[in-house]
Amino acid sequence: MPVWVRVSIRAPGSSTSISTSAAANTMFSIGPRPLINLPATLASRLGFDVRAARLLMTARDAGGRPLPIYELGLVEVKVEVPDRETDWVRAIAIHLGGSVVLLNDVLIEELGLVPERPGTGLWRFRDESSDSLRRSAEPEYWP
C-alpha cells in the first residue's frame, strides 16, 4: 500500500478548498518543482479546463511509452491531520491522466512528509520522531 494522506487543495489565496486523499508517490520525479497531478474531474471542480491546458512536456512511463503532461496552473496544498495545523504550500497542478491525486517527491518534501514504511502505508512529519508513525488515509478515486 502506498502512503496516502488527506490534503486540501485550493486556488492561491482562495478561502474555498477541496479535501481529498493523495498518494505520496516518491517515484513521481519530474523536475525540481512541486507538482500535484489532478484527475480531470477534480481539476474541473477547481476551475481548470484540462482540454485547454498547455502541454508541459512528454515524459515516459516505466514501459517507455510517451506520457503527455499538461500544466493546469498554480494551487495551494496542505496536509489535513486532526492534531495539528499545517501550512499551505504552492504547487503546479498538472494533468497526466488517472483517477488519483499524486504528490511528486518535491511536493512531498515541501509538505514535510516522510514516508517511513511505504509498503504498509506508514508516514510521519519531518519534525516528528520515528515513534510517531501515522497511518495512511483511505484512497480516494476521482471518476
Protein backbone atom coordinates (compact mmCIF):
# COMPACT_ATOMS: atom_id res chain seq x y z
CA MET A 1 0.00 0.00 0.00
CA PRO A 2 1.48 3.39 -0.90
CA VAL A 3 1.35 6.27 1.56
CA TRP A 4 -1.93 8.18 1.25
CA VAL A 5 -2.52 11.50 3.03
CA ARG A 6 -5.56 13.75 3.33
CA VAL A 7 -4.94 17.10 1.66
CA SER A 8 -6.82 20.30 0.99
CA ILE A 9 -6.32 21.90 -2.42
CA ARG A 10 -7.32 25.43 -3.38
CA ALA A 11 -6.64 28.21 -5.84
CA PRO A 12 -3.94 30.54 -4.43
CA GLY A 13 -5.45 32.79 -1.79
CA SER A 14 -8.94 31.29 -2.07
CA SER A 15 -10.94 30.54 1.05
CA THR A 16 -12.62 27.57 -0.66
CA SER A 17 -10.76 24.28 -0.83
CA ILE A 18 -11.44 20.69 -1.78
CA SER A 19 -10.48 17.88 0.55
CA THR A 20 -9.29 14.57 -0.89
CA SER A 21 -6.71 11.89 -0.34
CA ALA A 22 -3.48 11.90 -2.33
CA ALA A 23 -0.81 9.31 -2.95
CA ALA A 24 2.66 10.42 -1.86
CA ASN A 25 4.48 8.99 -4.85
CA THR A 26 8.24 9.19 -4.36
CA MET A 27 8.75 7.75 -7.86
CA PHE A 28 6.92 10.75 -9.34
CA SER A 29 10.03 12.81 -10.16
CA ILE A 30 9.65 15.38 -12.91
CA GLY A 31 12.00 18.31 -12.49
CA PRO A 32 12.81 20.32 -9.40
CA ARG A 33 9.35 21.83 -8.85
CA PRO A 34 6.50 20.78 -6.54
CA LEU A 35 3.84 19.11 -8.70
CA ILE A 36 0.42 17.66 -7.99
CA ASN A 37 -1.41 15.53 -10.52
CA LEU A 38 -5.13 16.27 -10.60
CA PRO A 39 -7.62 13.91 -12.23
CA ALA A 40 -9.82 15.71 -14.78
CA THR A 41 -12.93 15.70 -12.55
CA LEU A 42 -11.11 17.30 -9.62
CA ALA A 43 -9.26 19.73 -11.88
CA SER A 44 -12.60 20.88 -13.27
CA ARG A 45 -14.03 21.38 -9.76
CA LEU A 46 -11.04 23.61 -9.00
CA GLY A 47 -11.77 25.71 -12.10
CA PHE A 48 -9.23 24.28 -14.55
CA ASP A 49 -10.05 23.33 -18.14
CA VAL A 50 -8.00 20.22 -18.89
CA ARG A 51 -8.81 20.44 -22.62
CA ALA A 52 -7.28 23.93 -22.81
CA ALA A 53 -4.20 23.10 -20.72
CA ARG A 54 -0.72 23.67 -22.13
CA LEU A 55 1.42 20.64 -22.90
CA LEU A 56 4.26 20.96 -20.40
CA MET A 57 6.33 18.06 -21.65
CA THR A 58 6.16 14.45 -22.63
CA ALA A 59 7.78 12.10 -20.16
CA ARG A 60 7.99 8.33 -20.47
CA ASP A 61 6.32 5.81 -18.22
CA ALA A 62 8.07 2.74 -16.79
CA GLY A 63 7.33 0.84 -20.01
CA GLY A 64 8.89 3.55 -22.19
CA ARG A 65 5.56 4.81 -23.53
CA PRO A 66 5.09 8.57 -24.03
CA LEU A 67 3.21 10.24 -21.21
CA PRO A 68 1.95 13.75 -22.02
CA ILE A 69 1.85 16.09 -19.05
CA TYR A 70 -0.44 19.12 -19.16
CA GLU A 71 0.13 22.17 -16.96
CA LEU A 72 -3.05 23.49 -15.36
CA GLY A 73 -1.77 26.27 -13.12
CA LEU A 74 -0.90 27.07 -9.53
CA VAL A 75 -2.65 25.62 -6.50
CA GLU A 76 -2.03 25.60 -2.78
CA VAL A 77 -1.91 22.30 -0.92
CA LYS A 78 -1.86 21.44 2.77
CA VAL A 79 -1.96 18.21 4.73
CA GLU A 80 -5.06 17.57 6.86
CA VAL A 81 -4.46 15.89 10.19
CA PRO A 82 -6.62 16.20 13.32
CA ASP A 83 -3.83 17.04 15.76
CA ARG A 84 -2.06 19.96 14.09
CA GLU A 85 -2.46 22.82 11.64
CA THR A 86 -0.19 22.63 8.60
CA ASP A 87 0.97 25.33 6.20
CA TRP A 88 -0.25 25.87 2.65
CA VAL A 89 2.39 25.04 0.04
CA ARG A 90 2.27 26.25 -3.57
CA ALA A 91 2.48 23.64 -6.28
CA ILE A 92 1.96 23.38 -10.01
CA ALA A 93 -1.18 21.46 -10.85
CA ILE A 94 -0.72 19.11 -13.77
CA HIS A 95 -2.83 16.51 -15.51
CA LEU A 96 -1.29 13.30 -16.73
CA GLY A 97 -4.44 11.23 -16.54
CA GLY A 98 -5.53 8.70 -13.99
CA SER A 99 -8.11 8.84 -11.24
CA VAL A 100 -5.97 9.66 -8.19
CA VAL A 101 -4.25 12.75 -6.87
CA LEU A 102 -0.47 12.27 -6.90
CA LEU A 103 2.09 14.32 -4.99
CA ASN A 104 5.55 14.38 -6.54
CA ASP A 105 8.70 13.89 -4.49
CA VAL A 106 9.44 17.65 -4.31
CA LEU A 107 5.95 18.45 -3.00
CA ILE A 108 6.16 15.57 -0.52
CA GLU A 109 9.32 17.13 0.88
CA GLU A 110 7.92 20.68 0.94
CA LEU A 111 4.87 19.43 2.86
CA GLY A 112 7.24 17.90 5.43
CA LEU A 113 6.09 14.32 4.80
CA VAL A 114 8.35 11.35 5.43
CA PRO A 115 7.10 8.03 4.02
CA GLU A 116 8.56 5.87 6.77
CA ARG A 117 7.18 2.44 5.80
CA PRO A 118 5.66 2.82 2.34
CA GLY A 119 4.87 -0.89 2.00
CA THR A 120 2.43 -0.67 4.90
CA GLY A 121 1.45 2.96 4.34
CA LEU A 122 3.05 4.47 7.47
CA TRP A 123 4.40 8.00 7.44
CA ARG A 124 5.28 10.92 9.71
CA PHE A 125 6.04 14.61 9.52
CA ARG A 126 9.70 15.55 9.27
CA ASP A 127 9.63 17.15 12.75
CA GLU A 128 8.16 14.03 14.41
CA SER A 129 10.15 11.11 15.77
CA SER A 130 10.06 7.74 14.06
CA ASP A 131 8.00 6.55 17.06
CA SER A 132 5.12 8.79 15.91
CA LEU A 133 4.06 6.95 12.77
CA ARG A 134 0.75 7.81 11.15
CA ARG A 135 -1.48 5.50 9.15
CA SER A 136 -2.37 6.23 5.55
CA ALA A 137 -5.68 7.84 4.70
CA GLU A 138 -8.20 5.84 2.72
CA PRO A 139 -7.50 6.04 -1.02
CA GLU A 140 -9.88 8.24 -2.98
CA TYR A 141 -10.56 7.85 -6.70
CA TRP A 142 -11.98 10.55 -8.96
CA PRO A 143 -14.04 9.14 -11.87
